[in-house]
Amino acid sequence: MIGFILLLLLGFVVYKYREMNAKNQDYFKERGIKSVKRRPAVQGLLQVILKKVGMVDIVNDRYWEHPDEKIIGMWDMSKPLLMLRDPDLVKLIGVKEFDHFQDRRSLITEEMDELFGNSLLVLKGQKWRDMRSTLSPAFTGSKMRLMCELVVEICEQMVKFVKEDARTKGPQTYEMKDLFSRMTNDVIATCAFGVKVDSLEERSNEFYQAAQTLSNFASLKKGLKITGYRMFPRLMELFKVKINEPRETMFLRTLITESMKIREQKNIVRPDMINLLMDARKGRLTHTTGDKDSAGFATVEESNIGLKNNKREWSEDEILAQCFLFLLAGFETVSSVLSFTAYEIAVNPGVQDRLYEEIQGVHEELQGKKLTYDLLQKMKYLDMVFSESMRKWPAAPFVDRICNKEFRMEYETGKFFDVPIDLSFWIPIVSFHHDPKYFPEPDKFDPERFSDDNKVNINSSAYLPFGIGPRNCIGSRFALMELKSIMYYLILNFSLEVTEKTEIPVKLAKSLVSLQAENGIHLQLRPRM
């Protein structure tokens, strides 16, 4: 650790020298673009690392600094970047001109971390296109129908645990993030890694501890590493500093490789991600007829890039990296969305009553059978509730794109900007979702925004819970299926009630990854009679 701190100090000196000699101080002024007040870059990074500010604060502050502008100049260290404040420009960059803006700014390369650096999240160029088309068939409706059975098992496991808790100790108050992260962990374990764990009963199981460590981007140690990657990546690579701990990485790597080996030897087929990735590696995973369906209003559609057949052969690390990404995305973001949704349901009794009525109706229709993927899609109000929850509490504060081909952008009538290669664009999701221009009374939780009569008025380029364009979230169907399944079983069996420990989650944790309530969300789960 001492050596790493010394490395950071050395990098700080190098960076300060570069910053003092930067020649682009008037970059935006020369191009007629208003920019935010430039803050000392190192000071800003330290505030994020020490959790004085979070990405939500940073994105919102920049978004509102020039409220009448369509684009705003900003700085990422000494590099200029643009924030898009206009949905039409978001659509231009994210969809219409995608070939010019297909990549994300990635801090971590394959050389720095063979798993994270090979994940779909950070891949670039043709390799990203090939991986997207390889993985796309794994996330279609037909595959979700099979995986839904695995998710339902975890939901029933949760119901049994909470009911037994209530029977022996009376109705209990739970911190929602902890409850849901244990559930999402178990969903990932069974759906992505092919193992069964019960993190509510076995609270310190090895899989949960590894997932928690790997997905915790709010820790000081990981924050310092990310700072190092941003400020002096070559030094980080030279000193072989990995973003993830070797112990947890090796645990998951061994888990997956051993599972693949046993399945190959014994010809075991299971409807989970490992089986799909084994098929993908061999080029056997393809789209089938009837794959195109909607998991809800927020579902993002696959582009022609993802629909192409791809026969590229992938290495073991490249396939393992996608399981690793599935863990990161599923553990943190899904549990955060569930936590905020549970809070909104608890403090809005009318919403809870209407949701319970819909869920109870489906339960009676099932006549003792298990919940299915297709029945989930028929629950309109459940979809409205999650659509509004992801509007008010989006999992990611922003997404970015970088220019990979020079482009002349008309950002206002008669005003042009020549976009150079490698310039970054920020798409401020959380700010669009809370802008009264696009969502009147943005702080009000109102599922009726997404009713059949009202959702036609929503600007699809200002509502981006799963991103936009060909580089949107590949797992939107799985995420919505998981979210809805868990909430179905929770509301069917328990009344969500506020207690003296329940706080309004206006203070958000200073997280680099997703929105979290700083002091947690505590709710009582009272079994329904």
Protein backbone atom coordinates (compact mmCIF):
# COMPACT_ATOMS: atom_id res chain seq x y z
CA MET A 1 0.00 0.00 0.00
CA ILE A 2 2.88 2.38 0.83
CA GLY A 3 4.42 1.77 -2.57
CA PHE A 4 1.11 2.48 -4.24
CA ILE A 5 0.74 5.79 -2.35
CA LEU A 6 4.27 6.76 -3.42
CA LEU A 7 3.27 5.92 -6.98
CA LEU A 8 0.27 8.22 -6.66
CA LEU A 9 2.46 11.04 -5.34
CA LEU A 10 4.86 10.62 -8.25
CA GLY A 11 1.95 10.73 -10.64
CA PHE A 12 0.60 13.83 -8.90
CA VAL A 13 3.87 15.67 -9.56
CA VAL A 14 3.84 14.59 -13.22
CA TYR A 15 0.21 15.59 -13.64
CA LYS A 16 0.64 19.03 -11.99
CA TYR A 17 3.51 19.74 -14.37
CA ARG A 18 1.33 18.80 -17.34
CA GLU A 19 -1.60 20.81 -16.01
CA MET A 20 0.46 23.97 -15.53
CA ASN A 21 1.74 23.71 -19.07
CA ALA A 22 -1.61 22.97 -20.69
CA LYS A 23 -2.15 25.06 -23.82
CA ASN A 24 -5.87 24.60 -24.19
CA GLN A 25 -7.20 26.95 -21.51
CA ASP A 26 -9.25 28.87 -24.11
CA TYR A 27 -10.36 25.78 -26.03
CA PHE A 28 -14.12 26.40 -25.73
CA LYS A 29 -13.98 30.19 -25.79
CA GLU A 30 -12.19 30.08 -29.15
CA ARG A 31 -15.01 27.89 -30.51
CA GLY A 32 -17.86 30.03 -29.19
CA ILE A 33 -19.05 27.42 -26.66
CA LYS A 34 -19.90 28.29 -23.08
CA SER A 35 -18.11 26.18 -20.52
CA VAL A 36 -18.41 25.47 -16.82
CA LYS A 37 -16.09 27.09 -14.39
CA ARG A 38 -12.87 25.12 -14.40
CA ARG A 39 -12.13 23.45 -11.08
CA PRO A 40 -8.70 22.18 -10.01
CA ALA A 41 -8.74 18.62 -11.37
CA VAL A 42 -6.78 16.95 -8.56
CA GLN A 43 -8.87 18.67 -5.92
CA GLY A 44 -12.03 17.46 -7.63
CA LEU A 45 -10.75 13.89 -7.77
CA LEU A 46 -9.84 13.93 -4.10
CA GLN A 47 -13.34 15.16 -3.21
CA VAL A 48 -14.83 12.19 -5.07
CA ILE A 49 -12.39 9.69 -3.52
CA LEU A 50 -13.03 11.06 -0.02
CA LYS A 51 -16.80 11.05 -0.73
CA LYS A 52 -17.25 14.79 -0.31
CA VAL A 53 -19.13 14.82 -3.63
CA GLY A 54 -20.57 12.11 -5.88
CA MET A 55 -21.10 11.77 -9.59
CA VAL A 56 -24.76 12.81 -9.24
CA ASP A 57 -23.65 16.13 -7.72
CA ILE A 58 -21.03 16.67 -10.41
CA VAL A 59 -23.37 15.89 -13.32
CA ASN A 60 -26.25 18.01 -12.01
CA ASP A 61 -24.04 20.99 -11.12
CA ARG A 62 -22.57 21.07 -14.63
CA TYR A 63 -25.94 20.55 -16.31
CA TRP A 64 -27.56 23.57 -14.63
CA GLU A 65 -24.60 25.97 -14.86
CA HIS A 66 -25.74 27.14 -18.33
CA PRO A 67 -29.45 26.18 -18.52
CA ASP A 68 -30.08 27.82 -21.91
CA GLU A 69 -27.28 26.06 -23.78
CA LYS A 70 -27.55 22.85 -25.82
CA ILE A 71 -23.91 21.88 -25.30
CA ILE A 72 -21.55 22.82 -22.49
CA GLY A 73 -17.78 22.67 -22.37
CA MET A 74 -16.20 20.79 -19.48
CA TRP A 75 -12.83 19.40 -18.46
CA ASP A 76 -11.70 15.89 -17.65
CA MET A 77 -8.34 16.58 -16.07
CA SER A 78 -6.61 18.56 -18.82
CA LYS A 79 -8.80 17.14 -21.61
CA PRO A 80 -11.83 19.05 -22.94
CA LEU A 81 -15.18 17.29 -23.19
CA LEU A 82 -18.76 18.27 -24.03
CA MET A 83 -21.95 17.70 -22.05
CA LEU A 84 -25.06 17.33 -24.22
CA ARG A 85 -28.11 19.18 -22.82
CA ASP A 86 -30.39 18.60 -25.78
CA PRO A 87 -32.16 15.25 -26.44
CA ASP A 88 -31.93 15.75 -30.22
CA LEU A 89 -28.14 15.98 -29.95
CA VAL A 90 -28.15 12.89 -27.73
CA LYS A 91 -30.01 11.02 -30.46
CA LEU A 92 -27.59 12.39 -33.09
CA ILE A 93 -24.52 11.17 -31.20
CA GLY A 94 -25.98 7.99 -29.75
CA VAL A 95 -28.03 6.72 -32.71
CA LYS A 96 -27.92 8.57 -36.04
CA GLU A 97 -24.15 9.07 -36.18
CA PHE A 98 -23.21 6.07 -34.07
CA ASP A 99 -20.38 5.07 -36.43
CA HIS A 100 -18.60 8.27 -35.41
CA PHE A 101 -19.22 7.80 -31.68
CA GLN A 102 -19.28 4.08 -30.98
CA ASP A 103 -16.77 3.86 -28.13
CA ARG A 104 -16.70 4.77 -24.47
CA ARG A 105 -13.84 6.39 -22.60
CA SER A 106 -12.21 3.40 -20.89
CA LEU A 107 -9.75 3.82 -18.09
CA ILE A 108 -8.81 0.17 -17.90
CA THR A 109 -7.29 -1.83 -20.72
CA GLU A 110 -6.80 -5.55 -21.18
CA GLU A 111 -3.14 -5.09 -20.19
CA MET A 112 -4.17 -3.51 -16.88
CA ASP A 113 -6.86 -6.04 -16.01
CA GLU A 114 -7.51 -9.07 -18.22
CA LEU A 115 -11.12 -9.46 -17.01
CA PHE A 116 -12.40 -5.91 -16.64
CA GLY A 117 -10.44 -4.84 -19.72
CA ASN A 118 -12.10 -7.54 -21.84
CA SER A 119 -15.66 -6.84 -20.73
CA LEU A 120 -18.27 -5.57 -23.16
CA LEU A 121 -18.46 -2.36 -21.12
CA VAL A 122 -14.99 -1.14 -22.16
CA LEU A 123 -14.24 -2.93 -25.44
CA LYS A 124 -13.79 -0.70 -28.47
CA GLY A 125 -14.08 -0.78 -32.26
CA GLN A 126 -14.55 -4.03 -34.13
CA LYS A 127 -13.85 -6.16 -31.07
CA TRP A 128 -16.78 -4.51 -29.28
CA ARG A 129 -19.02 -5.06 -32.34
CA ASP A 130 -18.07 -8.73 -32.51
CA MET A 131 -18.62 -9.28 -28.78
CA ARG A 132 -21.96 -7.46 -28.87
CA SER A 133 -23.26 -9.62 -31.71
CA THR A 134 -21.90 -12.75 -29.98
CA LEU A 135 -23.64 -12.00 -26.68
CA SER A 136 -26.86 -10.46 -27.99
CA PRO A 137 -28.72 -13.78 -28.47
CA ALA A 138 -28.12 -14.58 -24.77
CA PHE A 139 -30.38 -11.70 -23.69
CA THR A 140 -33.46 -12.24 -25.85
CA GLY A 141 -36.96 -12.92 -24.59
CA SER A 142 -36.71 -16.65 -25.32
CA LYS A 143 -33.63 -16.96 -23.07
CA MET A 144 -35.25 -14.83 -20.36
CA ARG A 145 -38.23 -17.20 -20.25
CA LEU A 146 -35.86 -19.99 -19.23
CA MET A 147 -33.87 -17.90 -16.74
CA CYS A 148 -37.04 -16.58 -15.10
CA GLU A 149 -37.48 -19.99 -13.47
CA LEU A 150 -34.11 -19.59 -11.73
CA VAL A 151 -34.97 -16.09 -10.52
CA VAL A 152 -38.32 -17.27 -9.14
CA GLU A 153 -36.49 -19.87 -7.02
CA ILE A 154 -34.47 -17.10 -5.37
CA CYS A 155 -37.63 -15.04 -4.77
CA GLU A 156 -39.31 -17.99 -3.05
CA GLN A 157 -36.16 -18.45 -0.98
CA MET A 158 -36.45 -14.82 0.20
CA VAL A 159 -40.15 -15.16 1.07
CA LYS A 160 -39.45 -18.23 3.19
CA PHE A 161 -36.63 -16.46 5.07
CA VAL A 162 -38.56 -13.24 5.83
CA LYS A 163 -41.70 -15.11 6.86
CA GLU A 164 -39.70 -17.29 9.25
CA ASP A 165 -38.04 -14.16 10.64
CA ALA A 166 -41.47 -12.63 11.27
CA ARG A 167 -42.84 -15.87 12.79
CA THR A 168 -40.04 -16.17 15.33
CA LYS A 169 -39.29 -12.50 16.09
CA GLY A 170 -42.28 -10.53 14.82
CA PRO A 171 -42.27 -8.28 11.69
CA GLN A 172 -38.70 -7.15 11.09
CA THR A 173 -37.18 -3.95 9.74
CA TYR A 174 -34.59 -4.49 7.01
CA GLU A 175 -32.09 -2.22 5.36
CA MET A 176 -33.27 -2.57 1.78
CA LYS A 177 -29.90 -2.33 0.04
CA ASP A 178 -28.54 -5.16 2.19
CA LEU A 179 -31.63 -7.33 1.64
CA PHE A 180 -31.72 -6.78 -2.10
CA SER A 181 -27.96 -7.08 -2.66
CA ARG A 182 -28.12 -10.53 -1.06
CA MET A 183 -30.98 -11.48 -3.36
CA THR A 184 -29.33 -10.11 -6.50
CA ASN A 185 -26.12 -11.87 -5.49
CA ASP A 186 -27.98 -15.17 -5.36
CA VAL A 187 -29.65 -14.45 -8.71
CA ILE A 188 -26.24 -13.79 -10.29
CA ALA A 189 -24.80 -16.91 -8.67
CA THR A 190 -27.47 -19.18 -10.16
CA CYS A 191 -28.08 -17.38 -13.49
CA ALA A 192 -24.51 -16.41 -14.38
CA PHE A 193 -22.26 -18.84 -12.53
CA GLY A 194 -24.46 -21.92 -12.17
CA VAL A 195 -24.13 -22.22 -8.38
CA LYS A 196 -26.81 -22.10 -5.71
CA VAL A 197 -26.23 -19.97 -2.61
CA ASP A 198 -28.51 -18.50 0.06
CA SER A 199 -27.01 -15.22 1.21
CA LEU A 200 -29.86 -14.46 3.61
CA GLU A 201 -29.25 -17.66 5.58
CA GLU A 202 -25.49 -17.92 4.98
CA ARG A 203 -24.58 -14.26 5.34
CA SER A 204 -20.82 -14.67 4.94
CA ASN A 205 -20.70 -17.18 2.10
CA GLU A 206 -17.64 -16.92 -0.13
CA PHE A 207 -19.54 -15.98 -3.28
CA TYR A 208 -21.28 -13.03 -1.60
CA GLN A 209 -18.05 -11.75 -0.07
CA ALA A 210 -16.25 -11.95 -3.41
CA ALA A 211 -19.11 -10.21 -5.24
CA GLN A 212 -19.25 -7.47 -2.62
CA THR A 213 -15.52 -6.80 -2.85
CA LEU A 214 -15.39 -6.83 -6.65
CA SER A 215 -18.41 -4.54 -7.08
CA ASN A 216 -17.44 -2.03 -4.39
CA PHE A 217 -16.17 0.98 -6.34
CA ALA A 218 -16.76 3.28 -3.37
CA SER A 219 -13.82 1.98 -1.34
CA LEU A 220 -10.83 4.28 -0.78
CA LYS A 221 -8.39 1.74 -2.19
CA LYS A 222 -10.31 1.25 -5.43
CA GLY A 223 -10.90 5.01 -5.66
CA LEU A 224 -7.15 5.62 -5.52
CA LYS A 225 -6.57 3.00 -8.20
CA ILE A 226 -9.15 4.59 -10.49
CA THR A 227 -7.44 7.94 -9.92
CA GLY A 228 -4.16 6.35 -10.88
CA TYR A 229 -5.63 4.91 -14.07
CA ARG A 230 -7.01 8.32 -15.04
CA MET A 231 -3.92 10.38 -14.25
CA PHE A 232 -1.03 8.15 -15.31
CA PRO A 233 -2.13 4.88 -16.91
CA ARG A 234 1.33 4.01 -18.23
CA LEU A 235 2.82 4.04 -14.74
CA MET A 236 -0.06 1.92 -13.44
CA GLU A 237 0.60 -0.57 -16.22
CA LEU A 238 4.34 -0.53 -15.55
CA PHE A 239 3.79 -1.34 -11.87
CA LYS A 240 1.10 -3.94 -12.80
CA VAL A 241 -1.53 -2.40 -10.55
CA LYS A 242 -4.78 -4.36 -10.96
CA ILE A 243 -8.14 -2.79 -10.15
CA ASN A 244 -9.44 -6.01 -8.57
CA GLU A 245 -7.99 -8.13 -5.80
CA PRO A 246 -6.33 -11.36 -7.07
CA ARG A 247 -8.06 -13.54 -4.44
CA GLU A 248 -11.63 -12.67 -5.48
CA THR A 249 -10.77 -12.71 -9.17
CA MET A 250 -9.18 -16.15 -8.89
CA PHE A 251 -12.17 -17.48 -6.91
CA LEU A 252 -14.62 -16.52 -9.66
CA ARG A 253 -12.28 -17.61 -12.46
CA THR A 254 -11.90 -21.06 -10.89
CA LEU A 255 -15.64 -21.31 -10.29
CA ILE A 256 -16.45 -20.66 -13.95
CA THR A 257 -13.68 -22.74 -15.53
CA GLU A 258 -14.40 -25.77 -13.32
CA SER A 259 -18.11 -25.51 -14.07
CA MET A 260 -17.42 -25.35 -17.82
CA LYS A 261 -15.10 -28.36 -17.61
CA ILE A 262 -17.63 -30.50 -15.72
CA ARG A 263 -20.45 -29.55 -18.10
CA GLU A 264 -18.31 -30.42 -21.12
CA GLN A 265 -17.31 -33.78 -19.64
CA LYS A 266 -20.80 -34.79 -18.50
CA ASN A 267 -22.77 -33.04 -21.24
CA ILE A 268 -24.74 -31.00 -18.67
CA VAL A 269 -27.09 -28.33 -20.04
CA ARG A 270 -28.57 -25.70 -17.71
CA PRO A 271 -30.48 -22.51 -18.73
CA ASP A 272 -27.89 -20.07 -17.35
CA MET A 273 -25.26 -17.64 -18.58
CA ILE A 274 -22.37 -20.11 -18.41
CA ASN A 275 -24.18 -22.45 -20.78
CA LEU A 276 -24.98 -19.57 -23.15
CA LEU A 277 -21.38 -18.34 -23.09
CA MET A 278 -20.11 -21.85 -23.80
CA ASP A 279 -22.38 -21.87 -26.85
CA ALA A 280 -21.22 -18.37 -27.78
CA ARG A 281 -17.57 -19.36 -27.60
CA LYS A 282 -18.26 -22.16 -30.07
CA GLY A 283 -20.38 -19.96 -32.34
CA ARG A 284 -23.57 -21.91 -31.57
CA LEU A 285 -25.50 -19.00 -30.05
CA THR A 286 -27.79 -17.31 -32.58
CA HIS A 287 -31.00 -15.31 -32.68
CA THR A 288 -34.17 -17.33 -33.25
CA THR A 289 -37.60 -16.42 -34.55
CA GLY A 290 -39.83 -14.85 -31.90
CA ASP A 291 -36.86 -13.38 -30.02
CA LYS A 292 -38.05 -9.80 -30.45
CA ASP A 293 -40.36 -8.81 -27.61
CA SER A 294 -40.62 -6.13 -24.95
CA ALA A 295 -39.94 -6.60 -21.26
CA GLY A 296 -41.50 -3.20 -20.52
CA PHE A 297 -41.48 0.46 -21.49
CA ALA A 298 -37.83 0.91 -20.47
CA THR A 299 -36.62 -2.02 -22.61
CA VAL A 300 -33.99 -1.02 -25.16
CA GLU A 301 -33.99 -2.70 -28.56
CA GLU A 302 -31.02 -4.41 -30.15
CA SER A 303 -29.51 -2.72 -33.20
CA ASN A 304 -28.38 -4.31 -36.45
CA ILE A 305 -24.90 -4.62 -34.91
CA GLY A 306 -26.18 -7.00 -32.24
CA LEU A 307 -28.40 -8.90 -34.68
CA LYS A 308 -25.53 -9.87 -37.00
CA ASN A 309 -24.26 -13.44 -36.93
CA ASN A 310 -20.69 -13.60 -35.71
CA LYS A 311 -18.38 -16.62 -35.88
CA ARG A 312 -15.37 -15.12 -34.13
CA GLU A 313 -13.68 -17.46 -31.66
CA TRP A 314 -13.10 -16.09 -28.20
CA SER A 315 -10.41 -16.86 -25.63
CA GLU A 316 -11.23 -18.12 -22.15
CA ASP A 317 -10.41 -14.71 -20.60
CA GLU A 318 -12.67 -12.93 -23.08
CA ILE A 319 -15.59 -15.18 -22.16
CA LEU A 320 -14.85 -15.06 -18.41
CA ALA A 321 -14.85 -11.26 -18.60
CA GLN A 322 -18.53 -11.22 -19.58
CA CYS A 323 -19.51 -13.24 -16.49
CA PHE A 324 -17.49 -10.77 -14.46
CA LEU A 325 -19.37 -7.84 -16.05
CA PHE A 326 -22.68 -9.58 -15.36
CA LEU A 327 -21.67 -9.71 -11.70
CA LEU A 328 -20.74 -6.02 -11.52
CA ALA A 329 -23.88 -4.83 -13.31
CA GLY A 330 -26.31 -7.11 -11.56
CA PHE A 331 -25.06 -6.88 -7.99
CA GLU A 332 -24.86 -3.11 -7.57
CA THR A 333 -27.31 -1.45 -9.94
CA VAL A 334 -30.28 -3.82 -9.62
CA SER A 335 -30.16 -3.78 -5.81
CA SER A 336 -30.03 0.04 -5.84
CA VAL A 337 -33.08 0.31 -8.14
CA LEU A 338 -34.98 -2.16 -5.94
CA SER A 339 -34.13 -0.20 -2.79
CA PHE A 340 -35.45 3.11 -4.12
CA THR A 341 -38.51 1.44 -5.64
CA ALA A 342 -39.37 -0.23 -2.31
CA TYR A 343 -39.06 3.16 -0.60
CA GLU A 344 -41.40 4.87 -3.07
CA ILE A 345 -43.95 2.07 -2.74
CA ALA A 346 -43.84 2.29 1.06
CA VAL A 347 -44.33 6.06 1.24
CA ASN A 348 -47.07 6.06 -1.43
CA PRO A 349 -49.85 3.83 0.01
CA GLY A 350 -52.08 4.36 -3.02
CA VAL A 351 -49.35 3.01 -5.29
CA GLN A 352 -48.82 0.00 -3.01
CA ASP A 353 -52.54 -0.79 -2.86
CA ARG A 354 -52.96 -0.64 -6.63
CA LEU A 355 -49.82 -2.69 -7.20
CA TYR A 356 -50.94 -5.35 -4.71
CA GLU A 357 -54.33 -5.55 -6.41
CA GLU A 358 -52.69 -6.22 -9.78
CA ILE A 359 -50.23 -8.77 -8.34
CA GLN A 360 -52.93 -10.56 -6.35
CA GLY A 361 -55.00 -10.87 -9.53
CA VAL A 362 -52.11 -12.53 -11.36
CA HIS A 363 -51.46 -14.80 -8.36
CA GLU A 364 -55.06 -16.01 -8.45
CA GLU A 365 -54.79 -16.57 -12.21
CA LEU A 366 -51.73 -18.79 -11.65
CA GLN A 367 -53.72 -21.13 -9.37
CA GLY A 368 -50.66 -22.31 -7.47
CA LYS A 369 -48.30 -22.39 -10.46
CA LYS A 370 -45.05 -20.46 -10.55
CA LEU A 371 -44.73 -16.96 -11.99
CA THR A 372 -43.64 -16.87 -15.64
CA TYR A 373 -41.83 -14.37 -17.83
CA ASP A 374 -44.88 -13.88 -20.05
CA LEU A 375 -47.18 -13.11 -17.12
CA LEU A 376 -44.71 -10.50 -15.89
CA GLN A 377 -45.11 -8.65 -19.19
CA LYS A 378 -48.88 -8.44 -18.72
CA MET A 379 -48.63 -6.46 -15.46
CA LYS A 380 -48.97 -2.90 -16.74
CA TYR A 381 -48.94 -1.13 -13.40
CA LEU A 382 -45.84 -2.99 -12.21
CA ASP A 383 -44.13 -1.79 -15.38
CA MET A 384 -45.34 1.78 -14.76
CA VAL A 385 -43.93 1.70 -11.22
CA PHE A 386 -40.49 0.56 -12.34
CA SER A 387 -40.46 2.94 -15.32
CA GLU A 388 -41.07 5.85 -12.94
CA SER A 389 -38.62 4.55 -10.33
CA MET A 390 -35.83 4.35 -12.92
CA ARG A 391 -36.80 7.84 -14.06
CA LYS A 392 -36.51 9.32 -10.59
CA TRP A 393 -33.62 7.12 -9.43
CA PRO A 394 -31.61 6.09 -12.52
CA ALA A 395 -28.95 3.45 -11.90
CA ALA A 396 -26.27 5.41 -13.79
CA PRO A 397 -25.96 9.22 -13.45
CA PHE A 398 -24.51 9.55 -16.97
CA VAL A 399 -23.06 7.64 -19.92
CA ASP A 400 -20.37 8.79 -22.29
CA ARG A 401 -19.24 8.43 -25.88
CA ILE A 402 -15.97 9.36 -27.58
CA CYS A 403 -15.46 10.46 -31.16
CA ASN A 404 -13.67 7.84 -33.26
CA LYS A 405 -14.08 9.65 -36.62
CA GLU A 406 -13.90 13.39 -37.20
CA PHE A 407 -17.39 14.88 -37.41
CA ARG A 408 -18.91 18.30 -38.11
CA MET A 409 -21.80 18.76 -35.70
CA GLU A 410 -24.51 21.40 -36.12
CA TYR A 411 -25.54 21.93 -32.49
CA GLU A 412 -27.80 24.93 -33.19
CA THR A 413 -29.15 26.34 -36.44
CA GLY A 414 -26.14 27.77 -38.26
CA LYS A 415 -23.71 26.89 -35.43
CA PHE A 416 -21.18 24.16 -36.06
CA PHE A 417 -18.52 22.41 -34.05
CA ASP A 418 -15.77 20.33 -35.64
CA VAL A 419 -15.49 17.33 -33.34
CA PRO A 420 -11.92 15.96 -33.23
CA ILE A 421 -11.08 12.30 -32.71
CA ASP A 422 -10.95 11.28 -29.03
CA LEU A 423 -13.20 14.09 -27.74
CA SER A 424 -15.61 12.82 -25.09
CA PHE A 425 -19.33 13.54 -24.74
CA TRP A 426 -21.29 13.18 -21.52
CA ILE A 427 -25.00 12.29 -21.67
CA PRO A 428 -26.44 13.44 -18.30
CA ILE A 429 -29.15 10.85 -17.63
CA VAL A 430 -29.96 11.93 -14.07
CA SER A 431 -30.27 15.57 -15.13
CA PHE A 432 -32.59 14.84 -18.05
CA HIS A 433 -34.75 12.72 -15.76
CA HIS A 434 -35.09 15.62 -13.30
CA ASP A 435 -35.51 18.44 -15.79
CA PRO A 436 -39.07 19.89 -15.57
CA LYS A 437 -38.87 20.57 -19.30
CA TYR A 438 -39.14 16.83 -19.94
CA PHE A 439 -40.79 15.59 -16.72
CA PRO A 440 -43.08 18.09 -14.93
CA GLU A 441 -42.78 17.97 -11.12
CA PRO A 442 -39.68 15.78 -11.40
CA ASP A 443 -39.37 15.17 -7.65
CA LYS A 444 -42.85 13.65 -7.50
CA PHE A 445 -43.13 9.88 -7.79
CA ASP A 446 -45.91 9.44 -10.34
CA PRO A 447 -46.25 6.10 -12.20
CA GLU A 448 -49.09 7.66 -14.23
CA ARG A 449 -46.42 9.33 -16.39
CA PHE A 450 -46.06 5.91 -18.01
CA SER A 451 -49.72 5.02 -18.50
CA ASP A 452 -50.86 4.13 -22.02
CA ASP A 453 -52.32 7.62 -22.42
CA ASN A 454 -49.27 9.50 -21.13
CA LYS A 455 -46.19 7.56 -22.19
CA VAL A 456 -46.59 8.68 -25.80
CA ASN A 457 -45.62 12.17 -24.60
CA ILE A 458 -42.25 11.06 -23.22
CA ASN A 459 -39.19 12.10 -25.20
CA SER A 460 -37.34 8.80 -25.66
CA SER A 461 -34.02 10.63 -25.97
CA ALA A 462 -34.52 12.23 -22.53
CA TYR A 463 -35.56 8.97 -20.81
CA LEU A 464 -32.48 6.77 -20.71
CA PRO A 465 -32.50 4.26 -17.83
CA PHE A 466 -30.61 1.76 -20.01
CA GLY A 467 -28.66 4.18 -22.19
CA ILE A 468 -29.22 4.85 -25.88
CA GLY A 469 -28.42 3.49 -29.33
CA PRO A 470 -26.46 0.38 -30.32
CA ARG A 471 -24.30 0.76 -27.19
CA ASN A 472 -27.26 0.59 -24.79
CA CYS A 473 -27.42 -1.90 -21.91
CA ILE A 474 -27.45 -5.38 -23.40
CA GLY A 475 -29.09 -6.80 -20.28
CA SER A 476 -32.19 -4.58 -20.05
CA ARG A 477 -34.58 -7.53 -20.46
CA PHE A 478 -32.83 -9.55 -17.78
CA ALA A 479 -32.72 -6.56 -15.40
CA LEU A 480 -36.43 -5.83 -15.83
CA MET A 481 -37.34 -9.50 -15.43
CA GLU A 482 -35.31 -9.69 -12.22
CA LEU A 483 -36.63 -6.40 -10.82
CA LYS A 484 -40.26 -7.29 -11.51
CA SER A 485 -39.98 -10.86 -10.23
CA ILE A 486 -38.48 -9.78 -6.91
CA MET A 487 -41.02 -7.00 -6.40
CA TYR A 488 -43.90 -9.32 -7.36
CA TYR A 489 -43.03 -11.77 -4.60
CA LEU A 490 -42.27 -9.01 -2.10
CA ILE A 491 -45.59 -7.18 -2.54
CA LEU A 492 -47.59 -10.42 -2.83
CA ASN A 493 -46.38 -11.60 0.56
CA PHE A 494 -45.53 -8.47 2.55
CA SER A 495 -46.75 -4.98 3.25
CA LEU A 496 -43.91 -2.44 2.96
CA GLU A 497 -44.14 -0.04 5.89
CA VAL A 498 -42.12 2.96 7.08
CA THR A 499 -40.73 2.99 10.63
CA GLU A 500 -38.98 5.53 12.84
CA LYS A 501 -35.72 4.41 11.16
CA THR A 502 -36.98 5.27 7.65
CA GLU A 503 -35.35 8.39 6.23
CA ILE A 504 -36.13 10.32 3.06
CA PRO A 505 -33.23 9.35 0.75
CA VAL A 506 -32.41 12.91 -0.27
CA LYS A 507 -28.82 12.48 0.88
CA LEU A 508 -27.21 10.21 -1.67
CA ALA A 509 -24.04 8.24 -1.06
CA LYS A 510 -21.07 9.68 -2.89
CA SER A 511 -20.78 6.80 -5.32
CA LEU A 512 -18.88 6.55 -8.60
CA VAL A 513 -21.17 3.85 -9.94
CA SER A 514 -24.82 4.15 -8.93
CA LEU A 515 -27.29 6.05 -6.78
CA GLN A 516 -27.41 4.90 -3.17
CA ALA A 517 -29.08 6.36 -0.08
CA GLU A 518 -26.32 7.58 2.22
CA ASN A 519 -27.93 6.32 5.43
CA GLY A 520 -29.67 3.33 3.90
CA ILE A 521 -33.40 2.72 3.39
CA HIS A 522 -35.02 0.95 6.34
CA LEU A 523 -38.49 -0.56 5.90
CA GLN A 524 -40.56 -3.04 7.85
CA LEU A 525 -41.85 -6.10 5.98
CA ARG A 526 -45.14 -7.17 7.54
CA PRO A 527 -46.52 -10.51 6.29
CA ARG A 528 -49.92 -10.19 4.62
CA MET A 529 -52.73 -12.26 6.12
